[in-house]
């Protein structure tokens, strides 16, 4: 499986090239990325794919000096579970 970057999203393809998951985000103002959607095909859940997708947005935010507002319920949970994301969490 491979995570790819798209237009305001990261997505995952399985070995057959089928899209099996994605995380989408929007830019709000100058400094904020809003994670608004995370999805993984039920056949592929439980493998850490959604966590990896959210981490890609976190890494992007660090790279481009933005903060994240995790509106998607899954992403919000990730930010609560992972203290290491606090540097990019919108206060």
PDB file of N, CA and C in Angstrom:
ATOM      1  N   UNK A   1       0.844  -1.182   0.000  1.00  0.00           N
ATOM      2  CA  UNK A   1       0.000   0.000   0.000  1.00  0.00           C
ATOM      3  C   UNK A   1       0.886   1.240   0.000  1.00  0.00           C
ATOM      4  N   UNK A   2       0.346   2.260  -0.639  1.00  0.00           N
ATOM      5  CA  UNK A   2       1.129   3.472  -0.815  1.00  0.00           C
ATOM      6  C   UNK A   2       0.239   4.682  -0.572  1.00  0.00           C
ATOM      7  N   UNK A   3       0.745   5.645   0.205  1.00  0.00           N
ATOM      8  CA  UNK A   3      -0.003   6.884   0.437  1.00  0.00           C
ATOM      9  C   UNK A   3       0.460   7.923  -0.570  1.00  0.00           C
ATOM     10  N   UNK A   4      -0.507   8.520  -1.246  1.00  0.00           N
ATOM     11  CA  UNK A   4      -0.230   9.515  -2.284  1.00  0.00           C
ATOM     12  C   UNK A   4      -0.869  10.845  -1.919  1.00  0.00           C
ATOM     13  N   UNK A   5      -0.310  11.920  -2.445  1.00  0.00           N
ATOM     14  CA  UNK A   5      -0.867  13.250  -2.225  1.00  0.00           C
ATOM     15  C   UNK A   5      -1.736  13.630  -3.411  1.00  0.00           C
ATOM     16  N   UNK A   6      -2.876  14.217  -3.114  1.00  0.00           N
ATOM     17  CA  UNK A   6      -3.780  14.712  -4.144  1.00  0.00           C
ATOM     18  C   UNK A   6      -4.136  16.157  -3.851  1.00  0.00           C
ATOM     19  N   UNK A   7      -5.162  16.647  -4.490  1.00  0.00           N
ATOM     20  CA  UNK A   7      -5.635  18.007  -4.269  1.00  0.00           C
ATOM     21  C   UNK A   7      -6.317  18.095  -2.903  1.00  0.00           C
ATOM     22  N   UNK A   8      -5.636  18.678  -1.941  1.00  0.00           N
ATOM     23  CA  UNK A   8      -6.128  18.842  -0.564  1.00  0.00           C
ATOM     24  C   UNK A   8      -6.548  17.517   0.059  1.00  0.00           C
ATOM     25  N   UNK A   9      -5.781  16.482  -0.238  1.00  0.00           N
ATOM     26  CA  UNK A   9      -6.054  15.180   0.364  1.00  0.00           C
ATOM     27  C   UNK A   9      -4.844  14.275   0.226  1.00  0.00           C
ATOM     28  N   UNK A  10      -4.820  13.255   1.059  1.00  0.00           N
ATOM     29  CA  UNK A  10      -3.904  12.134   0.911  1.00  0.00           C
ATOM     30  C   UNK A  10      -4.788  10.907   0.756  1.00  0.00           C
ATOM     31  N   UNK A  11      -4.341   9.958  -0.044  1.00  0.00           N
ATOM     32  CA  UNK A  11      -5.139   8.761  -0.262  1.00  0.00           C
ATOM     33  C   UNK A  11      -4.231   7.543  -0.382  1.00  0.00           C
ATOM     34  N   UNK A  12      -4.842   6.373  -0.193  1.00  0.00           N
ATOM     35  CA  UNK A  12      -4.114   5.110  -0.188  1.00  0.00           C
ATOM     36  C   UNK A  12      -4.660   4.205  -1.275  1.00  0.00           C
ATOM     37  N   UNK A  13      -3.733   3.588  -1.991  1.00  0.00           N
ATOM     38  CA  UNK A  13      -4.093   2.580  -2.987  1.00  0.00           C
ATOM     39  C   UNK A  13      -3.640   1.220  -2.494  1.00  0.00           C
ATOM     40  N   UNK A  14      -4.444   0.204  -2.771  1.00  0.00           N
ATOM     41  CA  UNK A  14      -4.005  -1.143  -2.447  1.00  0.00           C
ATOM     42  C   UNK A  14      -3.079  -1.640  -3.560  1.00  0.00           C
ATOM     43  N   UNK A  15      -2.648  -2.869  -3.471  1.00  0.00           N
ATOM     44  CA  UNK A  15      -1.702  -3.412  -4.445  1.00  0.00           C
ATOM     45  C   UNK A  15      -2.276  -3.511  -5.856  1.00  0.00           C
ATOM     46  N   UNK A  16      -3.592  -3.484  -5.976  1.00  0.00           N
ATOM     47  CA  UNK A  16      -4.245  -3.527  -7.292  1.00  0.00           C
ATOM     48  C   UNK A  16      -4.490  -2.135  -7.870  1.00  0.00           C
ATOM     49  N   UNK A  17      -4.126  -1.098  -7.106  1.00  0.00           N
ATOM     50  CA  UNK A  17      -4.335   0.265  -7.577  1.00  0.00           C
ATOM     51  C   UNK A  17      -5.696   0.835  -7.245  1.00  0.00           C
ATOM     52  N   UNK A  18      -6.475   0.139  -6.417  1.00  0.00           N
ATOM     53  CA  UNK A  18      -7.790   0.627  -6.007  1.00  0.00           C
ATOM     54  C   UNK A  18      -7.645   1.552  -4.800  1.00  0.00           C
ATOM     55  N   UNK A  19      -8.377   2.653  -4.806  1.00  0.00           N
ATOM     56  CA  UNK A  19      -8.340   3.561  -3.667  1.00  0.00           C
ATOM     57  C   UNK A  19      -9.095   2.928  -2.509  1.00  0.00           C
ATOM     58  N   UNK A  20      -8.436   2.866  -1.344  1.00  0.00           N
ATOM     59  CA  UNK A  20      -9.054   2.220  -0.182  1.00  0.00           C
ATOM     60  C   UNK A  20      -9.195   3.152   1.016  1.00  0.00           C
ATOM     61  N   UNK A  21      -8.669   4.354   0.914  1.00  0.00           N
ATOM     62  CA  UNK A  21      -8.804   5.284   2.029  1.00  0.00           C
ATOM     63  C   UNK A  21      -8.341   6.675   1.655  1.00  0.00           C
ATOM     64  N   UNK A  22      -8.834   7.656   2.431  1.00  0.00           N
ATOM     65  CA  UNK A  22      -8.416   9.034   2.187  1.00  0.00           C
ATOM     66  C   UNK A  22      -8.611   9.884   3.428  1.00  0.00           C
ATOM     67  N   UNK A  23      -7.870  10.974   3.469  1.00  0.00           N
ATOM     68  CA  UNK A  23      -8.091  12.046   4.429  1.00  0.00           C
ATOM     69  C   UNK A  23      -8.132  13.330   3.602  1.00  0.00           C
ATOM     70  N   UNK A  24      -9.102  14.190   3.892  1.00  0.00           N
ATOM     71  CA  UNK A  24      -9.203  15.447   3.157  1.00  0.00           C
ATOM     72  C   UNK A  24      -9.073  16.607   4.137  1.00  0.00           C
ATOM     73  N   UNK A  25      -8.572  17.705   3.608  1.00  0.00           N
ATOM     74  CA  UNK A  25      -8.398  18.898   4.433  1.00  0.00           C
ATOM     75  C   UNK A  25      -8.649  20.134   3.581  1.00  0.00           C
ATOM     76  N   UNK A  26      -8.967  21.218   4.259  1.00  0.00           N
ATOM     77  CA  UNK A  26      -9.197  22.513   3.621  1.00  0.00           C
ATOM     78  C   UNK A  26      -8.299  23.533   4.300  1.00  0.00           C
ATOM     79  N   UNK A  27      -7.962  24.572   3.582  1.00  0.00           N
ATOM     80  CA  UNK A  27      -7.236  25.660   4.205  1.00  0.00           C
ATOM     81  C   UNK A  27      -8.238  26.714   4.660  1.00  0.00           C
ATOM     82  N   UNK A  28      -8.053  27.201   5.870  1.00  0.00           N
ATOM     83  CA  UNK A  28      -8.909  28.252   6.426  1.00  0.00           C
ATOM     84  C   UNK A  28      -8.004  29.413   6.828  1.00  0.00           C
ATOM     85  N   UNK A  29      -8.128  30.499   6.133  1.00  0.00           N
ATOM     86  CA  UNK A  29      -7.263  31.632   6.415  1.00  0.00           C
ATOM     87  C   UNK A  29      -5.829  31.328   6.027  1.00  0.00           C
ATOM     88  N   UNK A  30      -4.926  32.074   6.621  1.00  0.00           N
ATOM     89  CA  UNK A  30      -3.501  31.950   6.280  1.00  0.00           C
ATOM     90  C   UNK A  30      -2.833  30.737   6.923  1.00  0.00           C
ATOM     91  N   UNK A  31      -3.238  30.399   8.138  1.00  0.00           N
ATOM     92  CA  UNK A  31      -2.436  29.475   8.935  1.00  0.00           C
ATOM     93  C   UNK A  31      -3.108  28.183   9.373  1.00  0.00           C
ATOM     94  N   UNK A  32      -4.318  27.909   8.927  1.00  0.00           N
ATOM     95  CA  UNK A  32      -5.058  26.768   9.470  1.00  0.00           C
ATOM     96  C   UNK A  32      -5.415  25.761   8.372  1.00  0.00           C
ATOM     97  N   UNK A  33      -5.177  24.495   8.671  1.00  0.00           N
ATOM     98  CA  UNK A  33      -5.679  23.392   7.853  1.00  0.00           C
ATOM     99  C   UNK A  33      -6.782  22.716   8.657  1.00  0.00           C
ATOM    100  N   UNK A  34      -7.906  22.464   8.038  1.00  0.00           N
ATOM    101  CA  UNK A  34      -9.020  21.777   8.692  1.00  0.00           C
ATOM    102  C   UNK A  34      -9.107  20.365   8.121  1.00  0.00           C
ATOM    103  N   UNK A  35      -8.913  19.367   8.972  1.00  0.00           N
ATOM    104  CA  UNK A  35      -9.141  17.982   8.543  1.00  0.00           C
ATOM    105  C   UNK A  35     -10.638  17.746   8.664  1.00  0.00           C
ATOM    106  N   UNK A  36     -11.282  17.517   7.519  1.00  0.00           N
ATOM    107  CA  UNK A  36     -12.741  17.414   7.526  1.00  0.00           C
ATOM    108  C   UNK A  36     -13.282  16.023   7.217  1.00  0.00           C
ATOM    109  N   UNK A  37     -12.406  15.094   6.855  1.00  0.00           N
ATOM    110  CA  UNK A  37     -12.911  13.767   6.473  1.00  0.00           C
ATOM    111  C   UNK A  37     -11.768  12.757   6.492  1.00  0.00           C
ATOM    112  N   UNK A  38     -12.028  11.614   7.093  1.00  0.00           N
ATOM    113  CA  UNK A  38     -11.104  10.476   7.040  1.00  0.00           C
ATOM    114  C   UNK A  38     -11.946   9.231   6.776  1.00  0.00           C
ATOM    115  N   UNK A  39     -11.502   8.427   5.824  1.00  0.00           N
ATOM    116  CA  UNK A  39     -12.247   7.216   5.483  1.00  0.00           C
ATOM    117  C   UNK A  39     -11.282   6.112   5.080  1.00  0.00           C
ATOM    118  N   UNK A  40     -11.572   4.903   5.538  1.00  0.00           N
ATOM    119  CA  UNK A  40     -10.867   3.697   5.092  1.00  0.00           C
ATOM    120  C   UNK A  40     -11.923   2.640   4.787  1.00  0.00           C
ATOM    121  N   UNK A  41     -11.791   1.998   3.647  1.00  0.00           N
ATOM    122  CA  UNK A  41     -12.679   0.905   3.256  1.00  0.00           C
ATOM    123  C   UNK A  41     -12.747  -0.107   4.406  1.00  0.00           C
ATOM    124  N   UNK A  42     -13.940  -0.559   4.774  1.00  0.00           N
ATOM    125  CA  UNK A  42     -14.079  -1.494   5.896  1.00  0.00           C
ATOM    126  C   UNK A  42     -13.195  -2.733   5.783  1.00  0.00           C
ATOM    127  N   UNK A  43     -12.916  -3.205   4.586  1.00  0.00           N
ATOM    128  CA  UNK A  43     -12.069  -4.387   4.413  1.00  0.00           C
ATOM    129  C   UNK A  43     -10.629  -4.153   4.847  1.00  0.00           C
ATOM    130  N   UNK A  44     -10.238  -2.886   5.012  1.00  0.00           N
ATOM    131  CA  UNK A  44      -8.848  -2.558   5.323  1.00  0.00           C
ATOM    132  C   UNK A  44      -8.692  -1.876   6.682  1.00  0.00           C
ATOM    133  N   UNK A  45      -9.761  -1.783   7.431  1.00  0.00           N
ATOM    134  CA  UNK A  45      -9.686  -1.135   8.743  1.00  0.00           C
ATOM    135  C   UNK A  45      -8.905  -1.994   9.723  1.00  0.00           C
ATOM    136  N   UNK A  46      -8.401  -1.347  10.760  1.00  0.00           N
ATOM    137  CA  UNK A  46      -7.640  -2.058  11.786  1.00  0.00           C
ATOM    138  C   UNK A  46      -6.188  -2.262  11.435  1.00  0.00           C
ATOM    139  N   UNK A  47      -5.718  -1.643  10.367  1.00  0.00           N
ATOM    140  CA  UNK A  47      -4.327  -1.794   9.935  1.00  0.00           C
ATOM    141  C   UNK A  47      -3.515  -0.516  10.140  1.00  0.00           C
ATOM    142  N   UNK A  48      -4.110   0.497  10.751  1.00  0.00           N
ATOM    143  CA  UNK A  48      -3.396   1.748  10.996  1.00  0.00           C
ATOM    144  C   UNK A  48      -3.374   2.700   9.817  1.00  0.00           C
ATOM    145  N   UNK A  49      -4.189   2.427   8.812  1.00  0.00           N
ATOM    146  CA  UNK A  49      -4.186   3.261   7.602  1.00  0.00           C
ATOM    147  C   UNK A  49      -4.705   4.667   7.908  1.00  0.00           C
ATOM    148  N   UNK A  50      -5.807   4.763   8.620  1.00  0.00           N
ATOM    149  CA  UNK A  50      -6.372   6.072   8.940  1.00  0.00           C
ATOM    150  C   UNK A  50      -5.386   6.893   9.771  1.00  0.00           C
ATOM    151  N   UNK A  51      -4.716   6.244  10.714  1.00  0.00           N
ATOM    152  CA  UNK A  51      -3.718   6.929  11.528  1.00  0.00           C
ATOM    153  C   UNK A  51      -2.591   7.473  10.654  1.00  0.00           C
ATOM    154  N   UNK A  52      -2.140   6.675   9.697  1.00  0.00           N
ATOM    155  CA  UNK A  52      -1.077   7.111   8.782  1.00  0.00           C
ATOM    156  C   UNK A  52      -1.533   8.289   7.926  1.00  0.00           C
ATOM    157  N   UNK A  53      -2.777   8.257   7.497  1.00  0.00           N
ATOM    158  CA  UNK A  53      -3.297   9.360   6.686  1.00  0.00           C
ATOM    159  C   UNK A  53      -3.309  10.663   7.483  1.00  0.00           C
ATOM    160  N   UNK A  54      -3.797  10.614   8.710  1.00  0.00           N
ATOM    161  CA  UNK A  54      -3.813  11.817   9.553  1.00  0.00           C
ATOM    162  C   UNK A  54      -2.385  12.296   9.794  1.00  0.00           C
ATOM    163  N   UNK A  55      -1.468  11.368  10.021  1.00  0.00           N
ATOM    164  CA  UNK A  55      -0.065  11.751  10.244  1.00  0.00           C
ATOM    165  C   UNK A  55       0.506  12.482   9.037  1.00  0.00           C
ATOM    166  N   UNK A  56       0.102  12.126   7.852  1.00  0.00           N
ATOM    167  CA  UNK A  56       0.572  12.832   6.664  1.00  0.00           C
ATOM    168  C   UNK A  56       0.122  14.302   6.674  1.00  0.00           C
ATOM    169  N   UNK A  57      -1.088  14.560   7.137  1.00  0.00           N
ATOM    170  CA  UNK A  57      -1.540  15.953   7.233  1.00  0.00           C
ATOM    171  C   UNK A  57      -0.754  16.676   8.335  1.00  0.00           C
ATOM    172  N   UNK A  58      -0.506  15.997   9.440  1.00  0.00           N
ATOM    173  CA  UNK A  58       0.305  16.586  10.516  1.00  0.00           C
ATOM    174  C   UNK A  58       1.689  16.943   9.993  1.00  0.00           C
ATOM    175  N   UNK A  59       2.313  16.021   9.274  1.00  0.00           N
ATOM    176  CA  UNK A  59       3.642  16.284   8.713  1.00  0.00           C
ATOM    177  C   UNK A  59       3.612  17.453   7.734  1.00  0.00           C
ATOM    178  N   UNK A  60       2.562  17.519   6.916  1.00  0.00           N
ATOM    179  CA  UNK A  60       2.420  18.630   5.979  1.00  0.00           C
ATOM    180  C   UNK A  60       2.298  19.954   6.736  1.00  0.00           C
ATOM    181  N   UNK A  61       1.475  19.980   7.770  1.00  0.00           N
ATOM    182  CA  UNK A  61       1.289  21.203   8.554  1.00  0.00           C
ATOM    183  C   UNK A  61       2.615  21.672   9.149  1.00  0.00           C
ATOM    184  N   UNK A  62       3.405  20.747   9.644  1.00  0.00           N
ATOM    185  CA  UNK A  62       4.721  21.111  10.190  1.00  0.00           C
ATOM    186  C   UNK A  62       5.617  21.670   9.092  1.00  0.00           C
ATOM    187  N   UNK A  63       5.577  21.031   7.953  1.00  0.00           N
ATOM    188  CA  UNK A  63       6.429  21.431   6.831  1.00  0.00           C
ATOM    189  C   UNK A  63       6.094  22.830   6.325  1.00  0.00           C
ATOM    190  N   UNK A  64       4.823  23.178   6.286  1.00  0.00           N
ATOM    191  CA  UNK A  64       4.420  24.475   5.728  1.00  0.00           C
ATOM    192  C   UNK A  64       4.010  25.472   6.820  1.00  0.00           C
ATOM    193  N   UNK A  65       4.333  25.121   8.075  1.00  0.00           N
ATOM    194  CA  UNK A  65       4.134  26.018   9.213  1.00  0.00           C
ATOM    195  C   UNK A  65       2.671  26.447   9.393  1.00  0.00           C
ATOM    196  N   UNK A  66       1.792  25.446   9.460  1.00  0.00           N
ATOM    197  CA  UNK A  66       0.360  25.674   9.688  1.00  0.00           C
ATOM    198  C   UNK A  66      -0.071  24.932  10.949  1.00  0.00           C
ATOM    199  N   UNK A  67      -1.248  25.251  11.441  1.00  0.00           N
ATOM    200  CA  UNK A  67      -1.855  24.491  12.534  1.00  0.00           C
ATOM    201  C   UNK A  67      -3.089  23.779  11.993  1.00  0.00           C
ATOM    202  N   UNK A  68      -3.544  22.788  12.738  1.00  0.00           N
ATOM    203  CA  UNK A  68      -4.656  21.948  12.278  1.00  0.00           C
ATOM    204  C   UNK A  68      -5.847  22.078  13.221  1.00  0.00           C
ATOM    205  N   UNK A  69      -7.018  22.176  12.622  1.00  0.00           N
ATOM    206  CA  UNK A  69      -8.280  22.086  13.340  1.00  0.00           C
ATOM    207  C   UNK A  69      -8.908  20.758  12.905  1.00  0.00           C
ATOM    208  N   UNK A  70      -8.872  19.742  13.766  1.00  0.00           N
ATOM    209  CA  UNK A  70      -9.398  18.429  13.388  1.00  0.00           C
ATOM    210  C   UNK A  70     -10.910  18.330  13.592  1.00  0.00           C
ATOM    211  N   UNK A  71     -11.682  18.679  12.576  1.00  0.00           N
ATOM    212  CA  UNK A  71     -13.145  18.610  12.685  1.00  0.00           C
ATOM    213  C   UNK A  71     -13.681  17.202  12.457  1.00  0.00           C
ATOM    214  N   UNK A  72     -12.993  16.420  11.671  1.00  0.00           N
ATOM    215  CA  UNK A  72     -13.384  15.024  11.461  1.00  0.00           C
ATOM    216  C   UNK A  72     -13.285  14.291  12.804  1.00  0.00           C
ATOM    217  N   UNK A  73     -14.302  13.541  13.192  1.00  0.00           N
ATOM    218  CA  UNK A  73     -14.274  12.844  14.485  1.00  0.00           C
ATOM    219  C   UNK A  73     -13.058  11.933  14.663  1.00  0.00           C
ATOM    220  N   UNK A  74     -12.671  11.215  13.619  1.00  0.00           N
ATOM    221  CA  UNK A  74     -11.513  10.333  13.756  1.00  0.00           C
ATOM    222  C   UNK A  74     -10.243  11.147  14.003  1.00  0.00           C
ATOM    223  N   UNK A  75     -10.043  12.201  13.224  1.00  0.00           N
ATOM    224  CA  UNK A  75      -8.851  13.034  13.398  1.00  0.00           C
ATOM    225  C   UNK A  75      -8.843  13.677  14.783  1.00  0.00           C
ATOM    226  N   UNK A  76     -10.002  14.129  15.244  1.00  0.00           N
ATOM    227  CA  UNK A  76     -10.083  14.729  16.579  1.00  0.00           C
ATOM    228  C   UNK A  76      -9.638  13.725  17.642  1.00  0.00           C
ATOM    229  N   UNK A  77     -10.051  12.472  17.498  1.00  0.00           N
ATOM    230  CA  UNK A  77      -9.635  11.411  18.422  1.00  0.00           C
ATOM    231  C   UNK A  77      -8.124  11.215  18.370  1.00  0.00           C
ATOM    232  N   UNK A  78      -7.559  11.233  17.182  1.00  0.00           N
ATOM    233  CA  UNK A  78      -6.110  11.079  17.026  1.00  0.00           C
ATOM    234  C   UNK A  78      -5.360  12.188  17.764  1.00  0.00           C
ATOM    235  N   UNK A  79      -5.858  13.404  17.671  1.00  0.00           N
ATOM    236  CA  UNK A  79      -5.203  14.519  18.346  1.00  0.00           C
ATOM    237  C   UNK A  79      -5.325  14.390  19.860  1.00  0.00           C
ATOM    238  N   UNK A  80      -6.399  13.804  20.350  1.00  0.00           N
ATOM    239  CA  UNK A  80      -6.541  13.576  21.791  1.00  0.00           C
ATOM    240  C   UNK A  80      -5.598  12.472  22.256  1.00  0.00           C
ATOM    241  N   UNK A  81      -5.410  11.450  21.430  1.00  0.00           N
ATOM    242  CA  UNK A  81      -4.570  10.304  21.803  1.00  0.00           C
ATOM    243  C   UNK A  81      -3.077  10.590  21.689  1.00  0.00           C
ATOM    244  N   UNK A  82      -2.701  11.494  20.810  1.00  0.00           N
ATOM    245  CA  UNK A  82      -1.282  11.665  20.500  1.00  0.00           C
ATOM    246  C   UNK A  82      -0.788  13.054  20.904  1.00  0.00           C
ATOM    247  N   UNK A  83      -0.161  13.102  22.068  1.00  0.00           N
ATOM    248  CA  UNK A  83       0.370  14.368  22.577  1.00  0.00           C
ATOM    249  C   UNK A  83       1.406  14.967  21.633  1.00  0.00           C
ATOM    250  N   UNK A  84       2.048  14.136  20.845  1.00  0.00           N
ATOM    251  CA  UNK A  84       3.081  14.637  19.929  1.00  0.00           C
ATOM    252  C   UNK A  84       2.503  15.491  18.801  1.00  0.00           C
ATOM    253  N   UNK A  85       1.193  15.531  18.669  1.00  0.00           N
ATOM    254  CA  UNK A  85       0.552  16.381  17.674  1.00  0.00           C
ATOM    255  C   UNK A  85       0.207  17.764  18.225  1.00  0.00           C
ATOM    256  N   UNK A  86       0.448  17.994  19.502  1.00  0.00           N
ATOM    257  CA  UNK A  86       0.017  19.236  20.146  1.00  0.00           C
ATOM    258  C   UNK A  86       0.664  20.484  19.520  1.00  0.00           C
ATOM    259  N   UNK A  87       1.830  20.323  18.915  1.00  0.00           N
ATOM    260  CA  UNK A  87       2.504  21.488  18.323  1.00  0.00           C
ATOM    261  C   UNK A  87       1.765  22.034  17.105  1.00  0.00           C
ATOM    262  N   UNK A  88       0.936  21.221  16.472  1.00  0.00           N
ATOM    263  CA  UNK A  88       0.194  21.683  15.298  1.00  0.00           C
ATOM    264  C   UNK A  88      -1.316  21.779  15.540  1.00  0.00           C
ATOM    265  N   UNK A  89      -1.741  21.559  16.778  1.00  0.00           N
ATOM    266  CA  UNK A  89      -3.167  21.645  17.106  1.00  0.00           C
ATOM    267  C   UNK A  89      -3.564  23.100  17.268  1.00  0.00           C
ATOM    268  N   UNK A  90      -4.613  23.511  16.565  1.00  0.00           N
ATOM    269  CA  UNK A  90      -5.139  24.878  16.694  1.00  0.00           C
ATOM    270  C   UNK A  90      -5.645  25.072  18.104  1.00  0.00           C
ATOM    271  N   UNK A  91      -5.108  26.058  18.785  1.00  0.00           N
ATOM    272  CA  UNK A  91      -5.495  26.338  20.175  1.00  0.00           C
ATOM    273  C   UNK A  91      -6.732  27.189  20.205  1.00  0.00           C
TER     274      UNK A  91
END
